[in-house]
Amino acid sequence: MGFCNRRYGWAIRLLQAATLCGLLFAGAAGATALLANAREVRPGEQPTDVLAEAAQRPFPSFDPTLLQVLPNSPNGTWVVVRTPPPWTRGERVLSVRHPGMGTISLYDGNTLVASTSLQDFGTALHGHGRVIFSLPESIPASRPLLLKFHGSASPAGAVTLSLDSWPDYLRDDGAWMVFATGSFAVMLTMALMALCFALILRDMTFGWYAAYLLCYALIQGLRSGFVFHPLELQSLAGAADVLGDAATALSVSFAALFMLRFARVDEYVPLLRTPVLSFAVVMPLLMILRATGVGVLVNMAQLLLQPLVLLGALLLLVAGAFAAARGSRHAWFFLVGWTPLLILTALCGAQLQGMLAAAPWLPDAAIGMGAFEAIVLSIGLSDRALTIRHDRDRARQLADSDPLTGLLNRRAWTEAALDVLDQGLARPVAVLFFDLDHFKALNDRHGHAAGDKALVAVAAALRQELRPSDLLGRYGGEEFVALLQGVDKENAMQIATRLCRRVHRLDVHVSTSDMLTVSIGVAMRTPADNVQSLVERADAAMYSAKLSGRNRAVCAGHLGPVLVRRSEAR
């Protein structure tokens, strides 16, 4: 993707998210105005008694369009819902958003209309991201409705109520489904990609990230009811509280392990390594305490969970900020993805305490922010993978290269030559073995620095004369070797002669009257040859060239050197 696409891609995504959010909450503008009153349930009272009491002396009222934290009474909470005039006729849908995992019942007088919950799989209608009740036309809009929020082990959420026509409800529900499905799909897709990279690259950084994303997706899927409807995971019904707490604890643990490796805390903020690692260990221990079933331990685990989650999230934020300030490139990716999510999590926690009632969209925003974080951190992981690959390629290049000349070293050249010979006999292959003439005399007279400059000059000359596809390497000392594909004997000898002339023309003096020259041995591959035998025959031909007067090329036949060509200086 080009720079422009990367630059403006975020703006496009934000615009799409804003559009989805607008569609998601557009239905609220067309909802019927409601009045609501609530009080705790008293033992033994009947729904008609509650409605009669509410008609004579209204309960404490609240705005049903704003988030309302209902009392977590063991007996439950009554909520009376009224529609002020003017009234309309027709079927309607009563929606309860963010109700928690408890059961909600709707009464028409003493008649139970329906009982349902987010994790209910009965015959009643099921909403997506909410609990819904269908109100037939036989229930007049002027009649008060009575809801009972049954007491449960887990506290009720911060609820909002709305009454819509079926078309308005379906439009609102469809928009939420598009938004939630897209967000969860992004999170799960990124988690799956991370798992694949973890297996391919054998890097647990990707594994911890995938585990964290799956835990976060499970948390939001349980809180919103998405795992129950539309996913219909009935096996999770009744275990939402335990699973939610376990996923919350493990998400902090996996996030800590991920951040340690991703932001390289060991290198940039070593003092914070132990505290961060401690949270990665302590959070699963809380779940073990809860699983014991011992009342004191269970209560202690539940009491410590949320404070430790918040403290751990803040610690990760601080560690990431310090690592980024000290030069960790990938810590910036972590901060960009983690900080908004941490803020949203804190705001959602504040809502459960009765604050920020005018922002009922925050729980759904936490789902969308999970997708945003998944994208940001996935980009960061991709950047990390590219960095690792670049470093590995660089290390491989350094391991394969001769440090003086930059050519392939002996080991790397041999491996590359083996690959060529493994391709079969379809194309002729020639090996040229070079040895600089009187190189020891050059070192003795002018010093090793001059000898090194000569080797660099010869390597550059050979590289310029040969094709990019030809394998050229330094075999050791003043010896070079080249493998040429698709070259017959005559062409190989012409190339070797040309290389002799090129080296002779270099401005490198062995003595006041002698220029540097090279002797070259040429060996053509036969069916019986391997790399070692080819090099040995070319080496033997090179010695024949030296015995024949140097500054020339000799081609080795099957039984030994047979052809000599002297290079004349021009």
Protein backbone atom coordinates (compact mmCIF):
# COMPACT_ATOMS: atom_id res chain seq x y z
CA MET A 1 0.00 0.00 0.00
CA GLY A 2 1.38 3.39 -0.91
CA PHE A 3 2.12 6.25 1.46
CA CYS A 4 -1.04 8.13 0.54
CA ASN A 5 -3.21 5.10 1.16
CA ARG A 6 -1.57 4.59 4.56
CA ARG A 7 -1.93 8.25 5.38
CA TYR A 8 -5.60 8.60 4.56
CA GLY A 9 -6.69 5.02 5.35
CA TRP A 10 -7.30 5.92 8.99
CA ALA A 11 -9.52 8.85 8.05
CA ILE A 12 -11.59 6.58 5.82
CA ARG A 13 -11.94 4.00 8.58
CA LEU A 14 -12.95 6.65 11.11
CA LEU A 15 -15.53 8.00 8.68
CA GLN A 16 -16.92 4.49 8.19
CA ALA A 17 -17.04 3.96 11.95
CA ALA A 18 -18.82 7.27 12.45
CA THR A 19 -21.36 6.31 9.79
CA LEU A 20 -22.00 2.97 11.45
CA CYS A 21 -22.37 4.62 14.84
CA GLY A 22 -24.79 7.11 13.35
CA LEU A 23 -26.86 4.28 11.89
CA LEU A 24 -26.58 2.37 15.15
CA PHE A 25 -28.15 5.07 17.24
CA ALA A 26 -30.38 6.64 14.59
CA GLY A 27 -33.29 4.54 15.79
CA ALA A 28 -33.20 6.25 19.18
CA ALA A 29 -34.30 9.53 17.61
CA GLY A 30 -37.51 7.93 16.34
CA ALA A 31 -38.28 6.04 19.57
CA THR A 32 -41.48 6.74 21.51
CA ALA A 33 -41.06 9.00 24.54
CA LEU A 34 -41.23 7.08 27.81
CA LEU A 35 -41.57 7.74 31.52
CA ALA A 36 -40.07 5.27 33.98
CA ASN A 37 -40.16 4.67 37.73
CA ALA A 38 -38.34 2.03 39.76
CA ARG A 39 -38.13 0.56 43.25
CA GLU A 40 -36.94 -2.65 44.87
CA VAL A 41 -39.19 -5.70 44.99
CA ARG A 42 -40.83 -6.50 48.33
CA PRO A 43 -41.45 -10.12 49.32
CA GLY A 44 -44.90 -11.47 48.44
CA GLU A 45 -46.26 -8.53 46.46
CA GLN A 46 -48.20 -9.05 43.22
CA PRO A 47 -47.75 -7.14 39.96
CA THR A 48 -51.26 -5.57 40.21
CA ASP A 49 -50.44 -4.30 43.69
CA VAL A 50 -47.28 -2.69 42.36
CA LEU A 51 -49.16 -1.01 39.50
CA ALA A 52 -51.88 0.23 41.86
CA GLU A 53 -49.26 1.67 44.23
CA ALA A 54 -47.46 3.31 41.33
CA ALA A 55 -50.70 4.95 40.16
CA GLN A 56 -51.36 6.45 43.60
CA ARG A 57 -47.78 7.27 44.64
CA PRO A 58 -45.18 7.15 41.85
CA PHE A 59 -41.85 5.48 42.56
CA PRO A 60 -38.59 7.37 42.09
CA SER A 61 -38.42 8.32 38.42
CA PHE A 62 -35.55 8.20 35.92
CA ASP A 63 -35.02 9.06 32.28
CA PRO A 64 -35.14 5.75 30.38
CA THR A 65 -33.02 7.18 27.55
CA LEU A 66 -30.13 7.70 30.01
CA LEU A 67 -28.19 4.89 31.63
CA GLN A 68 -29.77 3.85 34.91
CA VAL A 69 -28.01 1.61 37.43
CA LEU A 70 -30.74 -0.44 39.09
CA PRO A 71 -30.40 -1.63 42.71
CA ASN A 72 -28.87 -5.09 42.99
CA SER A 73 -31.55 -6.27 45.41
CA PRO A 74 -31.82 -10.02 46.14
CA ASN A 75 -35.58 -9.80 45.44
CA GLY A 76 -35.12 -7.77 42.25
CA THR A 77 -36.36 -4.40 41.02
CA TRP A 78 -39.72 -3.24 39.65
CA VAL A 79 -39.72 -0.78 36.76
CA VAL A 80 -42.98 0.84 35.65
CA VAL A 81 -42.94 2.15 32.08
CA ARG A 82 -45.53 4.64 30.81
CA THR A 83 -46.08 6.16 27.39
CA PRO A 84 -47.33 9.78 27.55
CA PRO A 85 -49.93 10.91 25.03
CA PRO A 86 -50.47 11.16 22.15
CA TRP A 87 -50.72 7.40 21.83
CA THR A 88 -50.37 5.38 18.66
CA ARG A 89 -51.80 2.01 17.77
CA GLY A 90 -50.05 -1.06 16.44
CA GLU A 91 -47.46 -3.61 17.54
CA ARG A 92 -44.42 -2.26 19.35
CA VAL A 93 -41.08 -3.51 20.66
CA LEU A 94 -39.83 -2.71 24.16
CA SER A 95 -36.03 -2.87 24.28
CA VAL A 96 -33.77 -3.07 27.34
CA ARG A 97 -30.13 -2.36 26.50
CA HIS A 98 -27.19 -3.52 28.64
CA PRO A 99 -29.34 -5.48 31.12
CA GLY A 100 -26.58 -7.72 32.51
CA MET A 101 -27.09 -11.48 32.71
CA GLY A 102 -30.17 -11.51 34.94
CA THR A 103 -33.71 -12.43 33.90
CA ILE A 104 -36.29 -9.75 33.07
CA SER A 105 -40.05 -10.37 33.14
CA LEU A 106 -42.80 -8.27 31.53
CA TYR A 107 -46.27 -8.14 33.13
CA ASP A 108 -49.58 -6.89 31.80
CA GLY A 109 -51.48 -6.56 35.04
CA ASN A 110 -51.03 -9.92 36.81
CA THR A 111 -50.45 -11.64 33.47
CA LEU A 112 -46.88 -12.64 32.67
CA VAL A 113 -46.28 -11.64 29.06
CA ALA A 114 -42.71 -13.05 28.78
CA SER A 115 -39.53 -13.71 30.74
CA THR A 116 -36.16 -13.61 29.04
CA SER A 117 -32.49 -12.68 29.38
CA LEU A 118 -29.44 -12.23 27.19
CA GLN A 119 -28.52 -15.88 27.72
CA ASP A 120 -32.07 -17.23 27.34
CA PHE A 121 -32.76 -19.69 24.50
CA GLY A 122 -36.49 -20.20 25.05
CA THR A 123 -39.36 -19.48 22.72
CA ALA A 124 -39.49 -15.76 23.50
CA LEU A 125 -38.16 -13.27 20.98
CA HIS A 126 -34.49 -12.50 21.31
CA GLY A 127 -32.85 -9.21 20.50
CA HIS A 128 -29.27 -8.60 19.47
CA GLY A 129 -27.28 -6.68 22.04
CA ARG A 130 -30.42 -6.17 24.12
CA VAL A 131 -33.46 -7.88 25.67
CA ILE A 132 -36.71 -7.25 23.78
CA PHE A 133 -40.43 -7.79 24.38
CA SER A 134 -43.02 -7.77 21.63
CA LEU A 135 -46.12 -5.78 22.62
CA PRO A 136 -49.18 -6.87 20.63
CA GLU A 137 -51.80 -4.37 19.54
CA SER A 138 -54.09 -5.82 22.23
CA ILE A 139 -51.99 -4.03 24.89
CA PRO A 140 -52.99 -0.37 24.56
CA ALA A 141 -50.22 2.20 24.41
CA SER A 142 -51.91 4.06 27.27
CA ARG A 143 -51.55 1.10 29.67
CA PRO A 144 -48.53 1.09 32.01
CA LEU A 145 -46.06 -1.75 31.54
CA LEU A 146 -44.39 -3.50 34.46
CA LEU A 147 -40.89 -4.95 34.21
CA LYS A 148 -39.30 -7.08 36.90
CA PHE A 149 -35.51 -7.29 36.97
CA HIS A 150 -34.96 -10.47 38.93
CA GLY A 151 -32.22 -10.58 41.54
CA SER A 152 -29.07 -12.41 40.47
CA ALA A 153 -25.55 -13.12 41.67
CA SER A 154 -24.17 -10.65 39.16
CA PRO A 155 -25.19 -6.99 39.29
CA ALA A 156 -27.48 -5.62 36.62
CA GLY A 157 -25.96 -3.38 34.03
CA ALA A 158 -26.63 0.31 33.48
CA VAL A 159 -29.81 -0.05 31.40
CA THR A 160 -31.69 2.13 28.95
CA LEU A 161 -35.26 1.54 27.76
CA SER A 162 -36.84 2.32 24.41
CA LEU A 163 -40.20 1.64 22.75
CA ASP A 164 -40.20 1.43 18.95
CA SER A 165 -42.37 0.35 16.09
CA TRP A 166 -41.25 -2.86 14.43
CA PRO A 167 -39.77 -1.10 11.35
CA ASP A 168 -37.77 1.27 13.58
CA TYR A 169 -36.58 -1.58 15.76
CA LEU A 170 -35.51 -3.72 12.80
CA ARG A 171 -33.58 -0.83 11.28
CA ASP A 172 -31.83 -0.14 14.59
CA ASP A 173 -31.17 -3.83 15.19
CA GLY A 174 -29.77 -4.30 11.68
CA ALA A 175 -27.39 -1.38 12.10
CA TRP A 176 -26.14 -2.77 15.42
CA MET A 177 -25.66 -6.21 13.89
CA VAL A 178 -23.56 -4.75 11.06
CA PHE A 179 -21.47 -2.77 13.55
CA ALA A 180 -20.98 -5.58 16.07
CA THR A 181 -20.41 -8.31 13.49
CA GLY A 182 -17.84 -6.20 11.68
CA SER A 183 -16.02 -5.38 14.92
CA PHE A 184 -15.91 -8.98 16.14
CA ALA A 185 -14.92 -10.18 12.67
CA VAL A 186 -11.95 -7.79 12.67
CA MET A 187 -10.84 -8.96 16.12
CA LEU A 188 -11.13 -12.66 15.30
CA THR A 189 -9.49 -12.25 11.90
CA MET A 190 -6.53 -10.43 13.41
CA ALA A 191 -6.27 -13.07 16.14
CA LEU A 192 -6.25 -15.86 13.54
CA MET A 193 -3.58 -14.10 11.49
CA ALA A 194 -1.49 -13.62 14.62
CA LEU A 195 -1.76 -17.34 15.41
CA CYS A 196 -0.60 -18.19 11.90
CA PHE A 197 2.38 -15.86 12.23
CA ALA A 198 3.18 -17.33 15.64
CA LEU A 199 3.37 -20.79 14.08
CA ILE A 200 5.26 -19.69 10.96
CA LEU A 201 7.75 -17.39 12.69
CA ARG A 202 7.84 -19.34 15.97
CA ASP A 203 7.45 -16.06 17.81
CA MET A 204 5.25 -16.13 20.92
CA THR A 205 4.72 -12.37 20.70
CA PHE A 206 2.07 -13.11 18.08
CA GLY A 207 0.67 -15.92 20.25
CA TRP A 208 0.21 -13.68 23.32
CA TYR A 209 -1.43 -11.04 21.11
CA ALA A 210 -3.85 -13.57 19.63
CA ALA A 211 -4.74 -14.86 23.12
CA TYR A 212 -5.36 -11.31 24.35
CA LEU A 213 -7.60 -10.49 21.37
CA LEU A 214 -9.64 -13.66 21.83
CA CYS A 215 -10.13 -12.88 25.53
CA TYR A 216 -11.21 -9.32 24.79
CA ALA A 217 -13.60 -10.49 22.07
CA LEU A 218 -15.08 -13.00 24.52
CA ILE A 219 -15.53 -10.29 27.18
CA GLN A 220 -17.40 -8.02 24.79
CA GLY A 221 -19.32 -10.92 23.28
CA LEU A 222 -20.60 -11.93 26.72
CA ARG A 223 -21.40 -8.39 27.89
CA SER A 224 -23.32 -7.57 24.74
CA GLY A 225 -24.95 -11.00 24.48
CA PHE A 226 -23.51 -11.45 20.98
CA VAL A 227 -22.23 -14.94 21.82
CA PHE A 228 -25.81 -15.95 22.73
CA HIS A 229 -27.72 -14.11 20.00
CA PRO A 230 -26.97 -14.27 17.11
CA LEU A 231 -24.14 -16.82 17.63
CA GLU A 232 -26.45 -19.17 19.57
CA LEU A 233 -23.68 -20.62 21.75
CA GLN A 234 -26.02 -22.33 24.20
CA SER A 235 -23.13 -24.14 25.88
CA LEU A 236 -22.04 -20.82 27.40
CA ALA A 237 -25.43 -20.07 28.98
CA GLY A 238 -25.22 -19.90 32.76
CA ALA A 239 -21.44 -19.51 32.74
CA ALA A 240 -21.25 -15.91 31.53
CA ASP A 241 -20.15 -14.45 34.90
CA VAL A 242 -17.37 -16.98 35.45
CA LEU A 243 -16.23 -16.83 31.84
CA GLY A 244 -16.31 -13.04 31.84
CA ASP A 245 -14.18 -12.74 34.97
CA ALA A 246 -11.74 -15.38 33.69
CA ALA A 247 -11.44 -13.67 30.31
CA THR A 248 -10.92 -10.30 32.02
CA ALA A 249 -8.11 -11.63 34.22
CA LEU A 250 -6.45 -13.53 31.41
CA SER A 251 -6.70 -10.60 29.01
CA VAL A 252 -4.54 -8.50 31.36
CA SER A 253 -2.12 -11.41 31.76
CA PHE A 254 -1.78 -11.98 28.00
CA ALA A 255 -1.56 -8.24 27.34
CA ALA A 256 1.32 -8.00 29.83
CA LEU A 257 3.20 -10.89 28.22
CA PHE A 258 2.58 -9.43 24.77
CA MET A 259 3.72 -5.94 25.74
CA LEU A 260 6.90 -7.23 27.39
CA ARG A 261 8.08 -8.71 24.10
CA PHE A 262 6.43 -6.32 21.65
CA ALA A 263 7.67 -3.08 23.27
CA ARG A 264 10.96 -4.74 24.37
CA VAL A 265 10.52 -3.69 27.98
CA ASP A 266 13.58 -5.71 29.00
CA GLU A 267 15.75 -3.49 26.84
CA TYR A 268 14.12 -0.09 27.25
CA VAL A 269 12.54 -0.18 30.75
CA PRO A 270 14.23 -3.03 32.64
CA LEU A 271 13.02 -1.75 36.04
CA LEU A 272 9.38 -2.31 35.03
CA ARG A 273 9.92 -5.83 33.72
CA THR A 274 9.31 -7.51 37.09
CA PRO A 275 6.12 -5.56 37.96
CA VAL A 276 4.62 -6.22 34.53
CA LEU A 277 5.56 -9.89 34.68
CA SER A 278 4.07 -10.10 38.18
CA PHE A 279 0.67 -9.03 36.87
CA ALA A 280 0.92 -11.68 34.17
CA VAL A 281 1.29 -14.26 36.95
CA VAL A 282 -1.08 -12.84 39.57
CA MET A 283 -4.17 -12.50 37.36
CA PRO A 284 -4.47 -16.25 36.58
CA LEU A 285 -3.91 -16.95 40.29
CA LEU A 286 -7.07 -14.96 41.06
CA MET A 287 -9.03 -17.27 38.80
CA ILE A 288 -7.55 -20.28 40.56
CA LEU A 289 -8.72 -18.83 43.89
CA ARG A 290 -12.20 -18.36 42.50
CA ALA A 291 -12.28 -21.89 41.13
CA THR A 292 -11.55 -23.37 44.60
CA GLY A 293 -15.16 -22.81 45.67
CA VAL A 294 -14.03 -21.73 49.16
CA GLY A 295 -16.22 -18.77 50.14
CA VAL A 296 -13.48 -16.59 51.61
CA LEU A 297 -11.15 -17.17 48.64
CA VAL A 298 -13.92 -16.64 46.09
CA ASN A 299 -14.97 -13.36 47.72
CA MET A 300 -11.37 -12.19 47.90
CA ALA A 301 -10.83 -12.98 44.23
CA GLN A 302 -13.98 -11.11 43.22
CA LEU A 303 -13.04 -8.16 45.42
CA LEU A 304 -9.51 -7.89 43.98
CA LEU A 305 -10.30 -8.56 40.32
CA GLN A 306 -11.48 -5.14 39.11
CA PRO A 307 -8.92 -3.04 41.09
CA LEU A 308 -6.07 -5.26 39.88
CA VAL A 309 -7.33 -5.14 36.30
CA LEU A 310 -7.35 -1.34 36.39
CA LEU A 311 -3.96 -1.18 38.11
CA GLY A 312 -2.45 -3.66 35.63
CA ALA A 313 -3.83 -1.73 32.66
CA LEU A 314 -2.33 1.49 34.02
CA LEU A 315 1.01 -0.23 34.61
CA LEU A 316 1.09 -1.43 31.00
CA LEU A 317 0.30 2.09 29.86
CA VAL A 318 3.15 3.53 31.96
CA ALA A 319 5.60 0.85 30.78
CA GLY A 320 4.62 1.47 27.17
CA ALA A 321 5.01 5.24 27.57
CA PHE A 322 8.50 4.90 29.08
CA ALA A 323 9.56 2.40 26.42
CA ALA A 324 8.30 4.70 23.66
CA ALA A 325 10.07 7.70 25.19
CA ARG A 326 13.33 5.74 25.30
CA GLY A 327 13.21 4.72 21.66
CA SER A 328 10.99 1.65 21.34
CA ARG A 329 9.32 2.05 17.96
CA HIS A 330 6.70 -0.60 18.59
CA ALA A 331 5.74 0.83 21.98
CA TRP A 332 4.11 3.68 20.06
CA PHE A 333 1.84 1.19 18.28
CA PHE A 334 0.92 -0.26 21.66
CA LEU A 335 0.10 3.16 23.09
CA VAL A 336 -2.05 4.17 20.11
CA GLY A 337 -4.10 0.98 20.38
CA TRP A 338 -4.11 0.54 24.17
CA THR A 339 -4.72 4.08 25.47
CA PRO A 340 -8.19 4.68 23.91
CA LEU A 341 -9.29 1.21 24.97
CA LEU A 342 -8.12 1.81 28.54
CA ILE A 343 -9.97 5.13 28.66
CA LEU A 344 -13.15 3.52 27.36
CA THR A 345 -12.86 0.67 29.86
CA ALA A 346 -12.52 3.17 32.71
CA LEU A 347 -15.51 5.16 31.43
CA CYS A 348 -17.64 2.02 31.17
CA GLY A 349 -16.64 1.14 34.73
CA ALA A 350 -17.71 4.62 35.83
CA GLN A 351 -21.10 4.07 34.20
CA LEU A 352 -21.67 1.02 36.38
CA GLN A 353 -21.23 3.34 39.34
CA GLY A 354 -23.98 5.67 38.08
CA MET A 355 -21.80 8.22 36.26
CA LEU A 356 -21.83 9.33 32.60
CA ALA A 357 -25.50 8.40 32.22
CA ALA A 358 -25.78 10.64 29.15
CA ALA A 359 -23.36 8.43 27.16
CA PRO A 360 -25.28 5.17 26.59
CA TRP A 361 -23.15 4.50 23.51
CA LEU A 362 -19.98 3.81 25.52
CA PRO A 363 -20.47 0.01 25.88
CA ASP A 364 -20.91 -0.33 22.12
CA ALA A 365 -17.97 1.98 21.53
CA ALA A 366 -15.84 -0.44 23.55
CA ILE A 367 -16.64 -3.12 20.96
CA GLY A 368 -15.64 -0.86 18.09
CA MET A 369 -12.50 0.26 19.92
CA GLY A 370 -11.51 -3.40 20.29
CA ALA A 371 -11.54 -3.67 16.50
CA PHE A 372 -9.55 -0.43 16.21
CA GLU A 373 -6.93 -1.72 18.66
CA ALA A 374 -6.75 -5.03 16.78
CA ILE A 375 -6.00 -3.19 13.53
CA VAL A 376 -3.40 -0.87 15.09
CA LEU A 377 -1.55 -3.64 16.92
CA SER A 378 -1.71 -5.90 13.86
CA ILE A 379 -0.04 -3.15 11.84
CA GLY A 380 2.53 -2.90 14.61
CA LEU A 381 3.09 -6.67 14.53
CA SER A 382 3.44 -6.56 10.76
CA ASP A 383 6.03 -3.83 11.15
CA ARG A 384 7.78 -5.97 13.76
CA ALA A 385 7.74 -8.99 11.45
CA LEU A 386 9.24 -6.89 8.64
CA THR A 387 11.88 -5.56 11.03
CA ILE A 388 12.76 -9.08 12.15
CA ARG A 389 12.90 -10.25 8.55
CA HIS A 390 15.11 -7.30 7.60
CA ASP A 391 17.42 -8.01 10.52
CA ARG A 392 17.58 -11.69 9.62
CA ASP A 393 18.27 -10.88 5.97
CA ARG A 394 20.95 -8.46 7.04
CA ALA A 395 22.48 -11.03 9.37
CA ARG A 396 22.33 -13.64 6.61
CA GLN A 397 23.92 -11.21 4.18
CA LEU A 398 26.71 -10.47 6.64
CA ALA A 399 27.17 -14.19 7.27
CA ASP A 400 27.30 -14.91 3.53
CA SER A 401 29.49 -11.99 2.49
CA ASP A 402 33.22 -11.59 2.54
CA PRO A 403 33.76 -8.56 4.79
CA LEU A 404 36.53 -7.08 2.63
CA THR A 405 35.23 -7.44 -0.92
CA GLY A 406 31.48 -7.87 -0.35
CA LEU A 407 31.46 -10.99 -2.54
CA LEU A 408 30.03 -14.32 -1.41
CA ASN A 409 32.32 -16.07 1.03
CA ARG A 410 33.43 -19.65 0.47
CA ARG A 411 30.58 -21.28 2.39
CA ALA A 412 27.84 -19.17 0.80
CA TRP A 413 29.29 -19.64 -2.70
CA THR A 414 29.46 -23.41 -2.23
CA GLU A 415 25.81 -23.55 -1.06
CA ALA A 416 24.67 -21.44 -4.02
CA ALA A 417 26.70 -23.61 -6.44
CA LEU A 418 25.11 -26.74 -4.99
CA ASP A 419 21.66 -25.29 -5.72
CA VAL A 420 22.67 -24.62 -9.33
CA LEU A 421 24.06 -28.12 -9.87
CA ASP A 422 20.92 -29.64 -8.33
CA GLN A 423 18.91 -28.16 -11.23
CA GLY A 424 20.26 -30.84 -13.55
CA LEU A 425 22.23 -30.97 -16.78
CA ALA A 426 19.85 -28.96 -18.96
CA ARG A 427 22.26 -26.01 -19.16
CA PRO A 428 26.07 -26.09 -19.38
CA VAL A 429 27.94 -24.85 -16.33
CA ALA A 430 31.49 -23.49 -16.16
CA VAL A 431 33.58 -22.79 -13.07
CA LEU A 432 36.39 -20.23 -13.20
CA PHE A 433 39.09 -20.32 -10.53
CA PHE A 434 41.18 -17.11 -10.13
CA ASP A 435 44.50 -16.61 -8.37
CA LEU A 436 46.32 -13.26 -8.33
CA ASP A 437 49.89 -13.50 -9.58
CA HIS A 438 52.77 -12.45 -7.29
CA PHE A 439 50.29 -11.28 -4.64
CA LYS A 440 52.70 -12.15 -1.81
CA ALA A 441 55.31 -9.89 -3.37
CA LEU A 442 52.76 -7.05 -3.49
CA ASN A 443 52.05 -7.47 0.23
CA ASP A 444 55.73 -7.66 1.10
CA ARG A 445 56.71 -4.55 -0.86
CA HIS A 446 53.71 -2.30 -0.29
CA GLY A 447 52.08 -3.66 2.88
CA HIS A 448 48.86 -5.48 3.63
CA ALA A 449 46.75 -2.34 3.23
CA ALA A 450 47.84 -2.16 -0.40
CA GLY A 451 47.06 -5.85 -0.77
CA ASP A 452 43.56 -5.29 0.59
CA LYS A 453 42.99 -2.42 -1.85
CA ALA A 454 44.12 -4.68 -4.68
CA LEU A 455 41.65 -7.41 -3.64
CA VAL A 456 38.81 -4.87 -3.49
CA ALA A 457 39.75 -3.50 -6.94
CA VAL A 458 39.93 -6.98 -8.48
CA ALA A 459 36.56 -7.97 -6.92
CA ALA A 460 34.93 -4.82 -8.33
CA ALA A 461 36.39 -5.47 -11.79
CA LEU A 462 35.22 -9.08 -11.84
CA ARG A 463 31.74 -8.09 -10.65
CA GLN A 464 31.44 -5.50 -13.42
CA GLU A 465 32.52 -7.92 -16.15
CA LEU A 466 30.28 -10.83 -15.10
CA ARG A 467 26.50 -11.06 -15.31
CA PRO A 468 24.31 -10.53 -12.21
CA SER A 469 23.22 -14.18 -12.49
CA ASP A 470 26.82 -15.44 -12.32
CA LEU A 471 27.96 -16.61 -8.88
CA LEU A 472 31.12 -14.78 -7.86
CA GLY A 473 32.86 -15.36 -4.57
CA ARG A 474 36.11 -15.02 -2.69
CA TYR A 475 37.42 -18.51 -2.10
CA GLY A 476 40.20 -17.51 0.27
CA GLY A 477 43.25 -15.25 0.39
CA GLU A 478 43.92 -13.99 -3.14
CA GLU A 479 41.69 -16.66 -4.73
CA PHE A 480 38.31 -16.01 -6.36
CA VAL A 481 35.83 -18.37 -7.96
CA ALA A 482 32.92 -17.87 -10.36
CA LEU A 483 30.16 -20.16 -11.63
CA LEU A 484 28.66 -19.34 -15.04
CA GLN A 485 25.42 -20.91 -16.30
CA GLY A 486 24.49 -21.40 -19.94
CA VAL A 487 28.08 -20.92 -21.14
CA ASP A 488 29.89 -23.44 -23.34
CA LYS A 489 33.66 -24.06 -23.32
CA GLU A 490 34.51 -21.55 -26.06
CA ASN A 491 32.49 -18.76 -24.41
CA ALA A 492 33.89 -19.61 -20.99
CA MET A 493 37.44 -19.25 -22.32
CA GLN A 494 36.58 -15.93 -24.01
CA ILE A 495 35.15 -14.63 -20.73
CA ALA A 496 38.21 -15.83 -18.78
CA THR A 497 40.56 -14.15 -21.25
CA ARG A 498 38.58 -10.91 -21.03
CA LEU A 499 38.80 -11.04 -17.23
CA CYS A 500 42.59 -11.52 -17.42
CA ARG A 501 42.84 -8.38 -19.56
CA ARG A 502 40.56 -6.41 -17.23
CA VAL A 503 42.66 -7.23 -14.16
CA HIS A 504 45.87 -6.43 -16.05
CA ARG A 505 44.52 -2.97 -16.90
CA LEU A 506 43.92 -2.13 -13.21
CA ASP A 507 46.24 0.51 -11.82
CA VAL A 508 47.80 -1.88 -9.31
CA HIS A 509 51.61 -2.20 -9.33
CA VAL A 510 53.38 -5.25 -7.96
CA SER A 511 56.74 -3.64 -8.69
CA THR A 512 57.95 -0.59 -10.59
CA SER A 513 57.70 -2.46 -13.89
CA ASP A 514 55.07 -5.15 -13.27
CA MET A 515 51.29 -4.72 -13.07
CA LEU A 516 48.99 -7.05 -11.15
CA THR A 517 47.78 -10.03 -13.22
CA VAL A 518 45.60 -13.07 -12.61
CA SER A 519 45.79 -16.72 -13.65
CA ILE A 520 42.45 -18.46 -14.34
CA GLY A 521 41.53 -22.10 -14.49
CA VAL A 522 38.30 -23.10 -16.30
CA ALA A 523 36.40 -26.36 -15.78
CA MET A 524 33.22 -27.39 -17.62
CA ARG A 525 30.72 -29.49 -15.72
CA THR A 526 30.38 -33.17 -16.62
CA PRO A 527 27.64 -35.60 -15.46
CA ALA A 528 30.07 -37.05 -12.91
CA ASP A 529 30.96 -33.67 -11.38
CA ASN A 530 29.92 -32.15 -8.11
CA VAL A 531 30.92 -28.77 -6.70
CA GLN A 532 34.08 -30.10 -5.10
CA SER A 533 35.31 -31.92 -8.20
CA LEU A 534 34.53 -28.93 -10.43
CA VAL A 535 36.51 -26.59 -8.19
CA GLU A 536 39.39 -29.07 -7.96
CA ARG A 537 39.64 -29.36 -11.76
CA ALA A 538 39.45 -25.59 -12.18
CA ASP A 539 42.10 -25.18 -9.47
CA ALA A 540 44.39 -27.65 -11.24
CA ALA A 541 43.88 -25.75 -14.50
CA MET A 542 44.75 -22.51 -12.72
CA TYR A 543 48.08 -23.99 -11.58
CA SER A 544 48.73 -25.01 -15.16
CA ALA A 545 48.15 -21.38 -16.16
CA LYS A 546 50.73 -20.25 -13.61
CA LEU A 547 53.25 -22.84 -14.81
CA SER A 548 52.63 -21.66 -18.37
CA GLY A 549 53.70 -18.11 -17.55
CA ARG A 550 50.73 -16.57 -15.62
CA ASN A 551 48.30 -13.90 -16.83
CA ARG A 552 46.37 -16.43 -18.88
CA ALA A 553 43.43 -18.86 -18.79
CA VAL A 554 43.63 -22.65 -19.04
CA CYS A 555 40.66 -24.95 -19.59
CA ALA A 556 40.68 -28.35 -17.89
CA GLY A 557 39.64 -31.34 -19.94
CA HIS A 558 38.34 -34.60 -18.50
CA LEU A 559 41.91 -35.72 -17.84
CA GLY A 560 43.57 -32.37 -17.17
CA PRO A 561 44.33 -28.92 -18.64
CA VAL A 562 44.27 -28.94 -22.42
CA LEU A 563 43.87 -25.36 -23.64
CA VAL A 564 45.93 -22.31 -22.87
CA ARG A 565 45.12 -18.70 -23.81
CA ARG A 566 47.48 -15.91 -22.88
CA SER A 567 46.10 -12.46 -22.20
CA GLU A 568 48.04 -9.68 -23.92
CA ALA A 569 48.00 -6.31 -22.22
CA ARG A 570 46.46 -3.58 -24.31
